[in-house]
All heavy atoms as atom14 arrays in JSON, in Angstrom:
{
  "sequence": "ARLWFGGDKFGDFVPHIKKRQTLPAAVADPL",
  "atom14_mask": [
    [1, 1, 1, 1, 1, 0, 0, 0, 0, 0, 0, 0, 0, 0],
    [1, 1, 1, 1, 1, 1, 1, 1, 1, 1, 1, 0, 0, 0],
    [1, 1, 1, 1, 1, 1, 1, 1, 0, 0, 0, 0, 0, 0],
    [1, 1, 1, 1, 1, 1, 1, 1, 1, 1, 1, 1, 1, 1],
    [1, 1, 1, 1, 1, 1, 1, 1, 1, 1, 1, 0, 0, 0],
    [1, 1, 1, 1, 0, 0, 0, 0, 0, 0, 0, 0, 0, 0],
    [1, 1, 1, 1, 0, 0, 0, 0, 0, 0, 0, 0, 0, 0],
    [1, 1, 1, 1, 1, 1, 1, 1, 0, 0, 0, 0, 0, 0],
    [1, 1, 1, 1, 1, 1, 1, 1, 1, 0, 0, 0, 0, 0],
    [1, 1, 1, 1, 1, 1, 1, 1, 1, 1, 1, 0, 0, 0],
    [1, 1, 1, 1, 0, 0, 0, 0, 0, 0, 0, 0, 0, 0],
    [1, 1, 1, 1, 1, 1, 1, 1, 0, 0, 0, 0, 0, 0],
    [1, 1, 1, 1, 1, 1, 1, 1, 1, 1, 1, 0, 0, 0],
    [1, 1, 1, 1, 1, 1, 1, 0, 0, 0, 0, 0, 0, 0],
    [1, 1, 1, 1, 1, 1, 1, 0, 0, 0, 0, 0, 0, 0],
    [1, 1, 1, 1, 1, 1, 1, 1, 1, 1, 0, 0, 0, 0],
    [1, 1, 1, 1, 1, 1, 1, 1, 0, 0, 0, 0, 0, 0],
    [1, 1, 1, 1, 1, 1, 1, 1, 1, 0, 0, 0, 0, 0],
    [1, 1, 1, 1, 1, 1, 1, 1, 1, 0, 0, 0, 0, 0],
    [1, 1, 1, 1, 1, 1, 1, 1, 1, 1, 1, 0, 0, 0],
    [1, 1, 1, 1, 1, 1, 1, 1, 1, 0, 0, 0, 0, 0],
    [1, 1, 1, 1, 1, 1, 1, 0, 0, 0, 0, 0, 0, 0],
    [1, 1, 1, 1, 1, 1, 1, 1, 0, 0, 0, 0, 0, 0],
    [1, 1, 1, 1, 1, 1, 1, 0, 0, 0, 0, 0, 0, 0],
    [1, 1, 1, 1, 1, 0, 0, 0, 0, 0, 0, 0, 0, 0],
    [1, 1, 1, 1, 1, 0, 0, 0, 0, 0, 0, 0, 0, 0],
    [1, 1, 1, 1, 1, 1, 1, 0, 0, 0, 0, 0, 0, 0],
    [1, 1, 1, 1, 1, 0, 0, 0, 0, 0, 0, 0, 0, 0],
    [1, 1, 1, 1, 1, 1, 1, 1, 0, 0, 0, 0, 0, 0],
    [1, 1, 1, 1, 1, 1, 1, 0, 0, 0, 0, 0, 0, 0],
    [1, 1, 1, 1, 1, 1, 1, 1, 0, 0, 0, 0, 0, 0]
  ],
  "atom14_positions": [
    [[-179.5, 13.46, -0.27], [-179.93, 14.84, -0.41], [-178.95, 15.56, -1.33], [-177.89, 15.02, -1.66], [-179.96, 15.53, 0.97], [0.0, 0.0, 0.0], [0.0, 0.0, 0.0], [0.0, 0.0, 0.0], [0.0, 0.0, 0.0], [0.0, 0.0, 0.0], [0.0, 0.0, 0.0], [0.0, 0.0, 0.0], [0.0, 0.0, 0.0], [0.0, 0.0, 0.0]],
    [[-179.34, 16.77, -1.75], [-178.45, 17.54, -2.63], [-178.32, 18.96, -2.16], [-179.33, 19.58, -1.74], [-178.98, 17.5, -4.07], [-177.95, 18.02, -5.08], [-178.38, 17.82, -6.49], [-177.29, 18.19, -7.41], [-177.41, 18.23, -8.72], [-178.57, 17.92, -9.3], [-176.39, 18.57, -9.49], [0.0, 0.0, 0.0], [0.0, 0.0, 0.0], [0.0, 0.0, 0.0]],
    [[-177.1, 19.49, -2.19], [-176.91, 20.88, -1.82], [-177.67, 21.78, -2.8], [-177.67, 21.53, -4.01], [-175.42, 21.24, -1.88], [-174.48, 20.48, -0.94], [-173.07, 21.03, -1.06], [-174.94, 20.57, 0.5], [0.0, 0.0, 0.0], [0.0, 0.0, 0.0], [0.0, 0.0, 0.0], [0.0, 0.0, 0.0], [0.0, 0.0, 0.0], [0.0, 0.0, 0.0]],
    [[-178.31, 22.79, -2.26], [-179.15, 23.69, -3.06], [-178.86, 25.13, -2.64], [-178.97, 25.48, -1.46], [-180.62, 23.36, -2.85], [-181.58, 24.2, -3.64], [-181.44, 24.61, -4.94], [-182.82, 24.74, -3.19], [-182.54, 25.35, -5.33], [-183.39, 25.44, -4.27], [-183.5, 24.64, -1.98], [-184.63, 26.09, -4.14], [-184.72, 25.28, -1.87], [-185.28, 25.98, -2.94]],
    [[-178.46, 25.95, -3.62], [-178.11, 27.34, -3.34], [-179.2, 28.3, -3.77], [-178.99, 29.51, -3.86], [-176.79, 27.67, -4.05], [-175.67, 26.79, -3.61], [-175.33, 25.66, -4.32], [-174.93, 27.08, -2.46], [-174.29, 24.82, -3.92], [-173.9, 26.24, -2.03], [-173.58, 25.12, -2.76], [0.0, 0.0, 0.0], [0.0, 0.0, 0.0], [0.0, 0.0, 0.0]],
    [[-180.41, 27.78, -4.02], [-181.53, 28.58, -4.47], [-181.65, 28.59, -5.98], [-180.66, 28.42, -6.7], [0.0, 0.0, 0.0], [0.0, 0.0, 0.0], [0.0, 0.0, 0.0], [0.0, 0.0, 0.0], [0.0, 0.0, 0.0], [0.0, 0.0, 0.0], [0.0, 0.0, 0.0], [0.0, 0.0, 0.0], [0.0, 0.0, 0.0], [0.0, 0.0, 0.0]],
    [[-182.89, 28.74, -6.45], [-183.13, 28.74, -7.9], [-182.7, 27.44, -8.52], [-183.04, 26.36, -8.06], [0.0, 0.0, 0.0], [0.0, 0.0, 0.0], [0.0, 0.0, 0.0], [0.0, 0.0, 0.0], [0.0, 0.0, 0.0], [0.0, 0.0, 0.0], [0.0, 0.0, 0.0], [0.0, 0.0, 0.0], [0.0, 0.0, 0.0], [0.0, 0.0, 0.0]],
    [[-181.9, 27.55, -9.6], [-181.44, 26.34, -10.29], [-179.96, 26.05, -10.02], [-179.28, 25.41, -10.8], [-181.68, 26.46, -11.79], [-180.95, 27.67, -12.41], [-180.35, 28.46, -11.64], [-180.98, 27.82, -13.65], [0.0, 0.0, 0.0], [0.0, 0.0, 0.0], [0.0, 0.0, 0.0], [0.0, 0.0, 0.0], [0.0, 0.0, 0.0], [0.0, 0.0, 0.0]],
    [[-179.48, 26.54, -8.87], [-178.07, 26.33, -8.5], [-177.97, 25.18, -7.51], [-178.46, 25.28, -6.39], [-177.49, 27.61, -7.89], [-177.46, 28.79, -8.87], [-176.86, 30.02, -8.2], [-176.82, 31.2, -9.19], [-176.28, 32.42, -8.54], [0.0, 0.0, 0.0], [0.0, 0.0, 0.0], [0.0, 0.0, 0.0], [0.0, 0.0, 0.0], [0.0, 0.0, 0.0]],
    [[-177.33, 24.1, -7.94], [-177.19, 22.9, -7.13], [-175.73, 22.53, -6.94], [-174.87, 22.94, -7.73], [-177.93, 21.72, -7.79], [-179.41, 21.95, -7.93], [-179.93, 22.49, -9.1], [-180.27, 21.63, -6.89], [-181.29, 22.72, -9.23], [-181.63, 21.86, -7.02], [-182.15, 22.39, -8.18], [0.0, 0.0, 0.0], [0.0, 0.0, 0.0], [0.0, 0.0, 0.0]],
    [[-175.45, 21.79, -5.89], [-174.1, 21.34, -5.59], [-174.03, 19.83, -5.45], [-174.81, 19.11, -6.09], [0.0, 0.0, 0.0], [0.0, 0.0, 0.0], [0.0, 0.0, 0.0], [0.0, 0.0, 0.0], [0.0, 0.0, 0.0], [0.0, 0.0, 0.0], [0.0, 0.0, 0.0], [0.0, 0.0, 0.0], [0.0, 0.0, 0.0], [0.0, 0.0, 0.0]],
    [[-173.14, 19.38, -4.6], [-172.9, 17.95, -4.44], [-174.08, 17.25, -3.73], [-174.99, 17.89, -3.21], [-171.64, 17.72, -3.58], [-170.38, 18.15, -4.31], [-170.42, 18.18, -5.55], [-169.39, 18.44, -3.63], [0.0, 0.0, 0.0], [0.0, 0.0, 0.0], [0.0, 0.0, 0.0], [0.0, 0.0, 0.0], [0.0, 0.0, 0.0], [0.0, 0.0, 0.0]],
    [[-174.03, 15.93, -3.77], [-175.02, 15.11, -3.07], [-174.5, 14.86, -1.63], [-173.36, 14.4, -1.46], [-175.23, 13.78, -3.79], [-175.79, 13.95, -5.18], [-174.94, 13.99, -6.28], [-177.16, 14.1, -5.37], [-175.44, 14.16, -7.56], [-177.66, 14.26, -6.65], [-176.81, 14.31, -7.73], [0.0, 0.0, 0.0], [0.0, 0.0, 0.0], [0.0, 0.0, 0.0]],
    [[-175.32, 15.2, -0.64], [-174.92, 15.09, 0.76], [-176.09, 14.58, 1.58], [-177.06, 15.31, 1.78], [-174.44, 16.44, 1.32], [-174.01, 16.29, 2.77], [-173.34, 17.04, 0.49], [0.0, 0.0, 0.0], [0.0, 0.0, 0.0], [0.0, 0.0, 0.0], [0.0, 0.0, 0.0], [0.0, 0.0, 0.0], [0.0, 0.0, 0.0], [0.0, 0.0, 0.0]],
    [[-176.08, 13.35, 2.06], [-175.1, 12.31, 1.79], [-175.24, 11.78, 0.39], [-176.32, 11.88, -0.2], [-175.43, 11.24, 2.83], [-176.91, 11.4, 3.03], [-177.18, 12.86, 2.95], [0.0, 0.0, 0.0], [0.0, 0.0, 0.0], [0.0, 0.0, 0.0], [0.0, 0.0, 0.0], [0.0, 0.0, 0.0], [0.0, 0.0, 0.0], [0.0, 0.0, 0.0]],
    [[-174.18, 11.2, -0.16], [-174.21, 10.66, -1.5], [-174.27, 9.14, -1.4], [-173.25, 8.47, -1.26], [-172.99, 11.09, -2.3], [-173.13, 10.76, -3.76], [-172.13, 11.02, -4.67], [-174.15, 10.2, -4.48], [-172.53, 10.62, -5.87], [-173.74, 10.12, -5.77], [0.0, 0.0, 0.0], [0.0, 0.0, 0.0], [0.0, 0.0, 0.0], [0.0, 0.0, 0.0]],
    [[-175.48, 8.6, -1.42], [-175.69, 7.16, -1.35], [-175.81, 6.66, -2.78], [-176.7, 7.04, -3.53], [-176.97, 6.83, -0.53], [-176.81, 7.34, 0.91], [-177.25, 5.34, -0.56], [-178.09, 7.33, 1.7], [0.0, 0.0, 0.0], [0.0, 0.0, 0.0], [0.0, 0.0, 0.0], [0.0, 0.0, 0.0], [0.0, 0.0, 0.0], [0.0, 0.0, 0.0]],
    [[-174.88, 5.8, -3.18], [-174.77, 5.42, -4.59], [-175.66, 4.25, -4.98], [-176.01, 4.1, -6.15], [-173.31, 5.12, -4.92], [-172.43, 6.37, -4.78], [-170.98, 6.03, -5.15], [-170.12, 7.3, -5.0], [-168.69, 7.03, -5.34], [0.0, 0.0, 0.0], [0.0, 0.0, 0.0], [0.0, 0.0, 0.0], [0.0, 0.0, 0.0], [0.0, 0.0, 0.0]],
    [[-176.01, 3.41, -4.03], [-176.89, 2.29, -4.34], [-177.73, 1.95, -3.11], [-177.34, 2.21, -1.99], [-176.09, 1.06, -4.8], [-175.19, 0.47, -3.72], [-174.49, -0.78, -4.26], [-173.6, -1.43, -3.18], [-172.95, -2.64, -3.67], [0.0, 0.0, 0.0], [0.0, 0.0, 0.0], [0.0, 0.0, 0.0], [0.0, 0.0, 0.0], [0.0, 0.0, 0.0]],
    [[-178.88, 1.39, -3.38], [-179.77, 1.01, -2.3], [-179.18, -0.19, -1.56], [-178.73, -1.17, -2.18], [-181.15, 0.65, -2.83], [-182.16, 0.36, -1.7], [-183.53, 0.02, -2.26], [-184.47, -0.3, -1.19], [-185.48, 0.44, -0.84], [-185.71, 1.6, -1.45], [-186.29, 0.09, 0.14], [0.0, 0.0, 0.0], [0.0, 0.0, 0.0], [0.0, 0.0, 0.0]],
    [[-179.16, -0.11, -0.24], [-178.63, -1.18, 0.59], [-179.49, -1.36, 1.82], [-180.03, -0.39, 2.35], [-177.2, -0.87, 1.05], [-176.17, -0.77, -0.01], [-174.77, -0.58, 0.58], [-174.17, -1.48, 1.13], [-174.27, 0.64, 0.47], [0.0, 0.0, 0.0], [0.0, 0.0, 0.0], [0.0, 0.0, 0.0], [0.0, 0.0, 0.0], [0.0, 0.0, 0.0]],
    [[-179.6, -2.6, 2.26], [-180.16, -2.91, 3.56], [-179.08, -3.62, 4.35], [-178.65, -4.73, 3.96], [-181.4, -3.81, 3.44], [-182.42, -3.12, 2.68], [-181.97, -4.13, 4.81], [0.0, 0.0, 0.0], [0.0, 0.0, 0.0], [0.0, 0.0, 0.0], [0.0, 0.0, 0.0], [0.0, 0.0, 0.0], [0.0, 0.0, 0.0], [0.0, 0.0, 0.0]],
    [[-178.62, -2.98, 5.41], [-177.5, -3.55, 6.2], [-178.06, -4.16, 7.49], [-178.8, -3.51, 8.21], [-176.51, -2.45, 6.54], [-175.9, -1.73, 5.34], [-174.99, -0.6, 5.82], [-175.12, -2.69, 4.47], [0.0, 0.0, 0.0], [0.0, 0.0, 0.0], [0.0, 0.0, 0.0], [0.0, 0.0, 0.0], [0.0, 0.0, 0.0], [0.0, 0.0, 0.0]],
    [[-177.72, -5.4, 7.77], [-178.18, -6.07, 8.99], [-177.67, -5.37, 10.23], [-176.73, -4.55, 10.19], [-177.61, -7.48, 8.89], [-177.28, -7.67, 7.44], [-176.9, -6.32, 6.94], [0.0, 0.0, 0.0], [0.0, 0.0, 0.0], [0.0, 0.0, 0.0], [0.0, 0.0, 0.0], [0.0, 0.0, 0.0], [0.0, 0.0, 0.0], [0.0, 0.0, 0.0]],
    [[-178.26, -5.68, 11.36], [-177.81, -5.12, 12.65], [-176.35, -5.41, 12.89], [-175.85, -6.48, 12.55], [-178.65, -5.69, 13.8], [0.0, 0.0, 0.0], [0.0, 0.0, 0.0], [0.0, 0.0, 0.0], [0.0, 0.0, 0.0], [0.0, 0.0, 0.0], [0.0, 0.0, 0.0], [0.0, 0.0, 0.0], [0.0, 0.0, 0.0], [0.0, 0.0, 0.0]],
    [[-175.65, -4.42, 13.47], [-174.23, -4.55, 13.88], [-173.3, -4.81, 12.72], [-172.23, -5.38, 12.89], [-174.08, -5.64, 14.94], [0.0, 0.0, 0.0], [0.0, 0.0, 0.0], [0.0, 0.0, 0.0], [0.0, 0.0, 0.0], [0.0, 0.0, 0.0], [0.0, 0.0, 0.0], [0.0, 0.0, 0.0], [0.0, 0.0, 0.0], [0.0, 0.0, 0.0]],
    [[-173.65, -4.36, 11.51], [-172.79, -4.5, 10.35], [-172.24, -3.13, 9.93], [-171.07, -2.99, 9.64], [-173.51, -5.17, 9.17], [-172.71, -5.02, 7.86], [-173.74, -6.66, 9.48], [0.0, 0.0, 0.0], [0.0, 0.0, 0.0], [0.0, 0.0, 0.0], [0.0, 0.0, 0.0], [0.0, 0.0, 0.0], [0.0, 0.0, 0.0], [0.0, 0.0, 0.0]],
    [[-173.11, -2.12, 9.88], [-172.67, -0.76, 9.5], [-171.79, -0.16, 10.58], [-171.82, -0.58, 11.74], [-173.89, 0.12, 9.26], [0.0, 0.0, 0.0], [0.0, 0.0, 0.0], [0.0, 0.0, 0.0], [0.0, 0.0, 0.0], [0.0, 0.0, 0.0], [0.0, 0.0, 0.0], [0.0, 0.0, 0.0], [0.0, 0.0, 0.0], [0.0, 0.0, 0.0]],
    [[-171.0, 0.83, 10.21], [-170.12, 1.54, 11.16], [-170.98, 2.38, 12.09], [-171.63, 3.32, 11.64], [-169.15, 2.42, 10.37], [-168.24, 3.22, 11.29], [-168.28, 3.03, 12.51], [-167.47, 4.06, 10.75], [0.0, 0.0, 0.0], [0.0, 0.0, 0.0], [0.0, 0.0, 0.0], [0.0, 0.0, 0.0], [0.0, 0.0, 0.0], [0.0, 0.0, 0.0]],
    [[-170.99, 2.09, 13.4], [-171.82, 2.88, 14.32], [-171.42, 4.35, 14.41], [-172.21, 5.19, 14.82], [-171.63, 2.18, 15.67], [-171.13, 0.81, 15.33], [-170.33, 0.97, 14.09], [0.0, 0.0, 0.0], [0.0, 0.0, 0.0], [0.0, 0.0, 0.0], [0.0, 0.0, 0.0], [0.0, 0.0, 0.0], [0.0, 0.0, 0.0], [0.0, 0.0, 0.0]],
    [[-170.18, 4.65, 14.04], [-169.71, 6.04, 14.06], [-169.85, 6.72, 12.72], [-169.27, 7.77, 12.48], [-168.26, 6.11, 14.55], [-168.06, 5.73, 16.01], [-166.61, 5.87, 16.4], [-168.93, 6.56, 16.93], [0.0, 0.0, 0.0], [0.0, 0.0, 0.0], [0.0, 0.0, 0.0], [0.0, 0.0, 0.0], [0.0, 0.0, 0.0], [0.0, 0.0, 0.0]]
  ]
}
């Protein structure tokens, strides 16, 4: 997603996912 302040004012990417990934069960950080 991207922060949006209305109109054409944008901010950072939140969350900023840089590449597509498929993570198997019990591999990603649960927290």
